[in-house]
Every structure is written in C-alpha cells, then in structure tokens.
C-alpha cells in the first residue's frame, strides 16, 4: 500500500491543481510499481512560508526579495 506525501509552501495551490497532483502521482505509482490505485494514498501538506527555510532564510523573506520557485 503506497503512501506518498507531497509538501508544498502555502502559496495559492488550487483545489484543481491538488487534484491533478493526486491523480498524476497515483497514475505514476500504478504504472511504475504496478500498484492498485485503490490502495494508493497521497497526502498534500501545505506549509506556511514562515515555517519553511532554504539556504538559511525563511521562504517568506525570499518572496519579499522577489525570489520565487516559478519557472522562468
């Protein structure tokens, strides 16, 4: 029974985007590991940007500096 956790910063991921993640990861686990999708669990944890750090800085501070995770 696969259990997958996805951790994201809380920055406006929509319900629809979360559904796409859940579906996509479930499909990948089914295809690659040959696991029953009805026994595959996906948990999405959203973490406040004040509670996530990278390179010694809070993500909220990096965002204030204009540094984002968006593709360019």
C-alpha atoms as a PDB file:
ATOM      1  CA  UNK A   1       0.000   0.000   0.000  1.00  0.00           C
ATOM      2  CA  UNK A   2       1.948   3.056  -1.211  1.00  0.00           C
ATOM      3  CA  UNK A   3       1.697   6.255   0.806  1.00  0.00           C
ATOM      4  CA  UNK A   4       3.115   9.408  -0.802  1.00  0.00           C
ATOM      5  CA  UNK A   5       3.488  12.766   0.936  1.00  0.00           C
ATOM      6  CA  UNK A   6       3.825  15.977  -1.055  1.00  0.00           C
ATOM      7  CA  UNK A   7       4.979  19.043   0.847  1.00  0.00           C
ATOM      8  CA  UNK A   8       4.360  22.481  -0.658  1.00  0.00           C
ATOM      9  CA  UNK A   9       4.559  26.010   0.594  1.00  0.00           C
ATOM     10  CA  UNK A  10       1.133  27.546   1.176  1.00  0.00           C
ATOM     11  CA  UNK A  11       1.103  29.888  -1.805  1.00  0.00           C
ATOM     12  CA  UNK A  12      -2.203  29.511  -3.582  1.00  0.00           C
ATOM     13  CA  UNK A  13      -2.167  25.971  -4.977  1.00  0.00           C
ATOM     14  CA  UNK A  14      -5.736  25.480  -6.160  1.00  0.00           C
ATOM     15  CA  UNK A  15      -8.026  22.558  -5.436  1.00  0.00           C
ATOM     16  CA  UNK A  16      -7.823  21.645  -9.120  1.00  0.00           C
ATOM     17  CA  UNK A  17      -4.015  21.638  -9.071  1.00  0.00           C
ATOM     18  CA  UNK A  18      -4.032  19.406  -5.996  1.00  0.00           C
ATOM     19  CA  UNK A  19      -6.395  17.014  -7.764  1.00  0.00           C
ATOM     20  CA  UNK A  20      -4.018  16.905 -10.750  1.00  0.00           C
ATOM     21  CA  UNK A  21      -1.112  16.104  -8.407  1.00  0.00           C
ATOM     22  CA  UNK A  22      -3.081  13.345  -6.685  1.00  0.00           C
ATOM     23  CA  UNK A  23      -4.176  11.834  -9.996  1.00  0.00           C
ATOM     24  CA  UNK A  24      -0.738  12.142 -11.598  1.00  0.00           C
ATOM     25  CA  UNK A  25       1.149  10.593  -8.685  1.00  0.00           C
ATOM     26  CA  UNK A  26      -1.425   7.804  -8.358  1.00  0.00           C
ATOM     27  CA  UNK A  27      -1.145   7.036 -12.077  1.00  0.00           C
ATOM     28  CA  UNK A  28       2.670   7.042 -11.864  1.00  0.00           C
ATOM     29  CA  UNK A  29       2.704   4.653  -8.888  1.00  0.00           C
ATOM     30  CA  UNK A  30       0.231   2.395 -10.712  1.00  0.00           C
ATOM     31  CA  UNK A  31       2.291   2.393 -13.920  1.00  0.00           C
ATOM     32  CA  UNK A  32       5.807   2.149 -12.489  1.00  0.00           C
ATOM     33  CA  UNK A  33       5.220  -0.039  -9.433  1.00  0.00           C
ATOM     34  CA  UNK A  34       2.140  -1.914 -10.665  1.00  0.00           C
ATOM     35  CA  UNK A  35       0.207  -0.945  -7.520  1.00  0.00           C
ATOM     36  CA  UNK A  36      -3.565  -0.882  -7.143  1.00  0.00           C
ATOM     37  CA  UNK A  37      -4.709   2.761  -7.327  1.00  0.00           C
ATOM     38  CA  UNK A  38      -7.416   1.974  -4.761  1.00  0.00           C
ATOM     39  CA  UNK A  39      -4.673   1.194  -2.244  1.00  0.00           C
ATOM     40  CA  UNK A  40      -2.504   4.213  -3.070  1.00  0.00           C
ATOM     41  CA  UNK A  41      -2.681   7.161  -0.678  1.00  0.00           C
ATOM     42  CA  UNK A  42      -1.484  10.701  -1.417  1.00  0.00           C
ATOM     43  CA  UNK A  43      -1.224  13.377   1.297  1.00  0.00           C
ATOM     44  CA  UNK A  44      -0.559  17.019   0.496  1.00  0.00           C
ATOM     45  CA  UNK A  45       0.848  19.102   3.324  1.00  0.00           C
ATOM     46  CA  UNK A  46       0.893  22.853   2.865  1.00  0.00           C
ATOM     47  CA  UNK A  47       3.479  24.653   4.960  1.00  0.00           C
ATOM     48  CA  UNK A  48       3.346  28.342   5.760  1.00  0.00           C
ATOM     49  CA  UNK A  49       6.222  30.235   4.130  1.00  0.00           C
ATOM     50  CA  UNK A  50       7.350  31.467   7.568  1.00  0.00           C
ATOM     51  CA  UNK A  51       7.809  27.814   8.560  1.00  0.00           C
ATOM     52  CA  UNK A  52       9.923  26.735   5.573  1.00  0.00           C
ATOM     53  CA  UNK A  53      13.540  27.689   5.118  1.00  0.00           C
ATOM     54  CA  UNK A  54      16.070  27.429   2.324  1.00  0.00           C
ATOM     55  CA  UNK A  55      19.729  28.476   2.345  1.00  0.00           C
ATOM     56  CA  UNK A  56      19.340  29.971   5.822  1.00  0.00           C
ATOM     57  CA  UNK A  57      16.333  32.155   5.009  1.00  0.00           C
ATOM     58  CA  UNK A  58      12.603  31.847   5.509  1.00  0.00           C
ATOM     59  CA  UNK A  59      10.733  31.418   2.239  1.00  0.00           C
ATOM     60  CA  UNK A  60       8.564  34.406   3.201  1.00  0.00           C
ATOM     61  CA  UNK A  61      11.717  36.582   3.300  1.00  0.00           C
ATOM     62  CA  UNK A  62      12.912  35.216  -0.042  1.00  0.00           C
ATOM     63  CA  UNK A  63       9.500  36.003  -1.573  1.00  0.00           C
ATOM     64  CA  UNK A  64       9.752  39.567  -0.249  1.00  0.00           C
ATOM     65  CA  UNK A  65      13.083  39.804  -2.096  1.00  0.00           C
ATOM     66  CA  UNK A  66      11.358  38.673  -5.297  1.00  0.00           C
ATOM     67  CA  UNK A  67      12.845  35.159  -5.290  1.00  0.00           C
ATOM     68  CA  UNK A  68      10.230  32.620  -6.362  1.00  0.00           C
ATOM     69  CA  UNK A  69      10.006  28.988  -7.408  1.00  0.00           C
ATOM     70  CA  UNK A  70       8.211  29.815 -10.646  1.00  0.00           C
ATOM     71  CA  UNK A  71       9.665  28.575 -13.939  1.00  0.00           C
ATOM     72  CA  UNK A  72      11.157  31.357 -15.981  1.00  0.00           C
END
